[in-house]
Amino acid sequence: MKLHNTERNYSEKLKDIETLARGLPAVSIMEICGTHTMAIGRSGLRRVLPDNIRLISGPGCPVCVTHDREIDNYLELAKDKRVIIATFGDLLRVPGSKGTLNAARSQGAGVVVVYSTLEALRLASNNPDHEVVFLGVGFETTAPTAALSIIQAKSQGLGNYSVYSMHKLVPPALEALLCDGSVKLDGFICPGHVSTIIGTSPYTFVAEQYKKPCVITGFEIHDILDGLYLLLLQMRQNKAKIDIQYIRGVKPDGNPIARKTMDTVFRTGDVLWRGFGVIPNSGLHIREEYRDYDASVKFGLAMDHHYINEKEAICSCGDILKGLKTPNECDLFKGLCTPLNPFGPCMVSTEGACAAYYRYEA
């Protein structure tokens, strides 16, 4: 099989995968990233893979893993008339226990959709009588820009700008999944975007300690087929290592400048994940020297790690993020929970597994 050759069509690459899969036991492969989940759904790949190859969606949608307690915190903050919430659009419809940002905005809250942290900084500069709080959601991909915005705010003397950091790290979530052991996993399609920042070394423990193959994969269907091929090849050769299929985007050492920017502003700490509970050292907290730009400090946004939302008891998003259920195994799927009337974040987000299944696989 010639990788990265788009002239080889979908069916030819599938035949290569079928050849490798022949003779393997049943294997379960988790695609971590929500963008992969969407691409797999859109292509219909799950339905045409050999019967012994199962793809499981994982915790790679940043909106989906944002915990209800964090959502309730920023919804409470939105009630403060001094505050303008600056957010990416994908958080607007994510439900907390008492509503959404969209509903808060319709009731007069100051909520502005931005497309970059630079816009959020301009918002603060143009509104000196308000406190602008940027909602920092996402993994290692987006955290550097949030960190840079804090550095810039400090250098510009923008005292009315802060970040509510809900950023999370992918490798600790993989370790939590592997330690938990409730889902049989034989390999990982690792996220291309995150890996452009962190490179390969943070995944090494997956291969060395847990003996699970990993392939960092791009987002076109040809990339995913190539990634699957490389994973199955490792399995056939009884190897476990970190391969890069997405060589046009990912270098082995990632992006050191972006990581240095993150490390300047953030420290790691324990945080809540939807479905997982607290994962040690999986979150990014703002360092003490930048506490004036930390919205959780400025506005006293406490995190209760024992927080329970009654909606979680009937919504299966947590189990879906851990691979314990598929979306169509949730009692609410396509009934009480639809893209127009989402009950849980996995149906809201454009990278959510429930949204992908609803659109392409239901």
Foldseek 3Di string as FASTA:
>chain_A
DDAPDPVQDPVNLLVLLVVLCVPPAQAEEEEEALLQLLQCLVVVVQVPHPPSYHYAYAQRDQLQFQDLLLQVLVLVVQVDQQEAEEEAPLQQQFDHLPGGVVVSVVVPGRYHYDDALVVQLVVLVVCVSHAYEYEAIHELLRLLRQLVSLVVCVVVVSLRAAYAFPYWYPLLVVVLLVVVPPDGHQAYAYELRNQLAAAFVSCACCCPVVVHAYEDFDNHVSRVSVRSSVRSVCVSVSGHDYHYSVVVRHDRRHDVVSVVSLVVFWFFAWDQTQLRQTRGRTTTDGDPVSLSRHCCNVVVSDDDSVDDRPLSVQDCSSCSNSRNDQLVVRPCQPNCAACVRHSHSLRSGPSRRSVSCRVRND
